Amino acid sequence: MQLSEKNCVPCEGGVKPFTRQEAKRYLKQVNGWFIIRKEIEKEFKFKDFKEALGFINKVGDIAEEEDHHPDIYLHSYKRVKITLSTHAIKGLSENDFILAAKIDKIVE
């Protein structure tokens, strides 16, 4: 099953975050994301501010559906950087890659 077809599972802690090797395996299943410390991150560029805001709203809808919330940075009026990690475990989990895959589908 592709990551974009899965759903995030509630995480209250008590599990270990992915090792760097595990994260790299999952990273191959998403497009253009990078591991930065204990997070994954990707920047998106849009034609204007309105399009960037529309994207952010779509990401927000998916995040609410999945109950997994990214950090979202809008800068330079048309660039959006998304950062994902599983806060409860202070690192990466499958949920981060599921949400990344769903976010990628927005811009396909």
C-alpha atoms as a PDB file:
ATOM      1  CA  MET A   1       0.000   0.000   0.000  1.00  0.00           C
ATOM      2  CA  GLN A   2       1.323   3.447  -0.897  1.00  0.00           C
ATOM      3  CA  LEU A   3       1.932   5.906   1.915  1.00  0.00           C
ATOM      4  CA  SER A   4      -0.659   8.345   0.543  1.00  0.00           C
ATOM      5  CA  GLU A   5      -3.322   5.643   0.942  1.00  0.00           C
ATOM      6  CA  LYS A   6      -2.540   5.020   4.611  1.00  0.00           C
ATOM      7  CA  ASN A   7      -3.807   6.971   7.603  1.00  0.00           C
ATOM      8  CA  CYS A   8      -1.828   8.369  10.492  1.00  0.00           C
ATOM      9  CA  VAL A   9      -2.057   6.458  13.752  1.00  0.00           C
ATOM     10  CA  PRO A  10      -2.348   8.408  17.018  1.00  0.00           C
ATOM     11  CA  CYS A  11       1.006   8.574  18.800  1.00  0.00           C
ATOM     12  CA  GLU A  12       1.149   9.404  22.487  1.00  0.00           C
ATOM     13  CA  GLY A  13       4.791   8.441  22.877  1.00  0.00           C
ATOM     14  CA  GLY A  14       6.169   5.216  24.240  1.00  0.00           C
ATOM     15  CA  VAL A  15       7.640   4.188  20.872  1.00  0.00           C
ATOM     16  CA  LYS A  16      11.069   4.938  19.545  1.00  0.00           C
ATOM     17  CA  PRO A  17      11.526   7.406  16.698  1.00  0.00           C
ATOM     18  CA  PHE A  18      12.893   6.090  13.432  1.00  0.00           C
ATOM     19  CA  THR A  19      16.603   5.561  13.176  1.00  0.00           C
ATOM     20  CA  ARG A  20      18.335   7.510  10.402  1.00  0.00           C
ATOM     21  CA  GLN A  21      18.379   4.313   8.296  1.00  0.00           C
ATOM     22  CA  GLU A  22      14.642   3.740   8.739  1.00  0.00           C
ATOM     23  CA  ALA A  23      13.929   7.368   7.859  1.00  0.00           C
ATOM     24  CA  LYS A  24      16.050   7.106   4.698  1.00  0.00           C
ATOM     25  CA  ARG A  25      14.036   4.059   3.562  1.00  0.00           C
ATOM     26  CA  TYR A  26      10.792   5.998   3.935  1.00  0.00           C
ATOM     27  CA  LEU A  27      12.317   9.097   2.348  1.00  0.00           C
ATOM     28  CA  LYS A  28      12.582   7.157  -0.927  1.00  0.00           C
ATOM     29  CA  GLN A  29       8.773   6.967  -0.994  1.00  0.00           C
ATOM     30  CA  VAL A  30       8.191  10.744  -0.968  1.00  0.00           C
ATOM     31  CA  ASN A  31       9.251  13.341  -3.509  1.00  0.00           C
ATOM     32  CA  GLY A  32      11.764  16.078  -2.705  1.00  0.00           C
ATOM     33  CA  TRP A  33      11.708  15.884   1.085  1.00  0.00           C
ATOM     34  CA  PHE A  34      14.926  16.134   3.112  1.00  0.00           C
ATOM     35  CA  ILE A  35      15.916  14.947   6.555  1.00  0.00           C
ATOM     36  CA  ILE A  36      16.909  17.917   8.699  1.00  0.00           C
ATOM     37  CA  ARG A  37      17.955  16.847  12.191  1.00  0.00           C
ATOM     38  CA  LYS A  38      14.952  14.883  13.526  1.00  0.00           C
ATOM     39  CA  GLU A  39      12.456  16.223  10.973  1.00  0.00           C
ATOM     40  CA  ILE A  40      11.664  16.058   7.295  1.00  0.00           C
ATOM     41  CA  GLU A  41      11.172  19.217   5.322  1.00  0.00           C
ATOM     42  CA  LYS A  42      10.220  20.431   1.866  1.00  0.00           C
ATOM     43  CA  GLU A  43       9.747  23.838   0.305  1.00  0.00           C
ATOM     44  CA  PHE A  44       7.053  24.603  -2.249  1.00  0.00           C
ATOM     45  CA  LYS A  45       6.993  27.629  -4.560  1.00  0.00           C
ATOM     46  CA  PHE A  46       3.790  29.109  -5.974  1.00  0.00           C
ATOM     47  CA  LYS A  47       2.971  31.782  -8.515  1.00  0.00           C
ATOM     48  CA  ASP A  48       1.615  34.211  -5.915  1.00  0.00           C
ATOM     49  CA  PHE A  49       0.478  34.750  -2.325  1.00  0.00           C
ATOM     50  CA  LYS A  50      -3.099  33.620  -2.961  1.00  0.00           C
ATOM     51  CA  GLU A  51      -1.992  30.288  -4.438  1.00  0.00           C
ATOM     52  CA  ALA A  52       0.383  29.730  -1.498  1.00  0.00           C
ATOM     53  CA  LEU A  53      -2.442  30.381   0.979  1.00  0.00           C
ATOM     54  CA  GLY A  54      -4.736  28.005  -0.885  1.00  0.00           C
ATOM     55  CA  PHE A  55      -2.090  25.289  -0.583  1.00  0.00           C
ATOM     56  CA  ILE A  56      -1.683  25.965   3.139  1.00  0.00           C
ATOM     57  CA  ASN A  57      -5.437  25.610   3.651  1.00  0.00           C
ATOM     58  CA  LYS A  58      -5.431  22.250   1.833  1.00  0.00           C
ATOM     59  CA  VAL A  59      -2.514  21.068   3.974  1.00  0.00           C
ATOM     60  CA  GLY A  60      -4.456  22.184   7.056  1.00  0.00           C
ATOM     61  CA  ASP A  61      -7.492  20.161   6.001  1.00  0.00           C
ATOM     62  CA  ILE A  62      -5.394  17.018   5.531  1.00  0.00           C
ATOM     63  CA  ALA A  63      -3.571  17.596   8.825  1.00  0.00           C
ATOM     64  CA  GLU A  64      -6.885  17.861  10.657  1.00  0.00           C
ATOM     65  CA  GLU A  65      -8.230  14.693   8.978  1.00  0.00           C
ATOM     66  CA  GLU A  66      -5.071  12.794   9.940  1.00  0.00           C
ATOM     67  CA  ASP A  67      -4.708  14.473  13.363  1.00  0.00           C
ATOM     68  CA  HIS A  68      -1.038  15.014  12.566  1.00  0.00           C
ATOM     69  CA  HIS A  69       0.043  18.624  12.285  1.00  0.00           C
ATOM     70  CA  PRO A  70       3.071  20.046  10.478  1.00  0.00           C
ATOM     71  CA  ASP A  71       4.904  23.279  11.056  1.00  0.00           C
ATOM     72  CA  ILE A  72       4.100  25.570   8.131  1.00  0.00           C
ATOM     73  CA  TYR A  73       6.158  28.616   7.179  1.00  0.00           C
ATOM     74  CA  LEU A  74       4.960  31.092   4.535  1.00  0.00           C
ATOM     75  CA  HIS A  75       7.779  33.358   3.417  1.00  0.00           C
ATOM     76  CA  SER A  76       8.798  35.541   0.493  1.00  0.00           C
ATOM     77  CA  TYR A  77       5.027  35.871  -0.159  1.00  0.00           C
ATOM     78  CA  LYS A  78       4.853  32.744  -2.344  1.00  0.00           C
ATOM     79  CA  ARG A  79       7.065  30.115  -0.738  1.00  0.00           C
ATOM     80  CA  VAL A  80       5.829  27.569   1.784  1.00  0.00           C
ATOM     81  CA  LYS A  81       8.114  25.376   3.853  1.00  0.00           C
ATOM     82  CA  ILE A  82       6.585  22.346   5.559  1.00  0.00           C
ATOM     83  CA  THR A  83       8.380  20.631   8.434  1.00  0.00           C
ATOM     84  CA  LEU A  84       7.173  17.317   9.841  1.00  0.00           C
ATOM     85  CA  SER A  85       8.080  15.367  12.946  1.00  0.00           C
ATOM     86  CA  THR A  86       6.213  13.403  15.564  1.00  0.00           C
ATOM     87  CA  HIS A  87       6.404  15.667  18.590  1.00  0.00           C
ATOM     88  CA  ALA A  88       5.354  12.993  21.093  1.00  0.00           C
ATOM     89  CA  ILE A  89       8.497  10.956  20.327  1.00  0.00           C
ATOM     90  CA  LYS A  90      10.787  13.883  19.419  1.00  0.00           C
ATOM     91  CA  GLY A  91      11.618  12.376  16.038  1.00  0.00           C
ATOM     92  CA  LEU A  92      10.252  10.777  12.897  1.00  0.00           C
ATOM     93  CA  SER A  93       7.577   8.112  12.555  1.00  0.00           C
ATOM     94  CA  GLU A  94       5.605   6.634   9.695  1.00  0.00           C
ATOM     95  CA  ASN A  95       2.968   9.341  10.283  1.00  0.00           C
ATOM     96  CA  ASP A  96       5.374  12.016   9.048  1.00  0.00           C
ATOM     97  CA  PHE A  97       5.933  10.224   5.770  1.00  0.00           C
ATOM     98  CA  ILE A  98       2.224   9.473   5.330  1.00  0.00           C
ATOM     99  CA  LEU A  99       1.425  13.161   5.698  1.00  0.00           C
ATOM    100  CA  ALA A 100       4.318  14.116   3.382  1.00  0.00           C
ATOM    101  CA  ALA A 101       2.945  11.770   0.700  1.00  0.00           C
ATOM    102  CA  LYS A 102      -0.542  13.249   1.060  1.00  0.00           C
ATOM    103  CA  ILE A 103       0.856  16.787   0.831  1.00  0.00           C
ATOM    104  CA  ASP A 104       2.752  15.827  -2.329  1.00  0.00           C
ATOM    105  CA  LYS A 105      -0.522  14.712  -3.924  1.00  0.00           C
ATOM    106  CA  ILE A 106      -1.931  18.243  -3.517  1.00  0.00           C
ATOM    107  CA  VAL A 107       0.603  19.667  -5.955  1.00  0.00           C
ATOM    108  CA  GLU A 108       0.736  16.757  -8.423  1.00  0.00           C
END
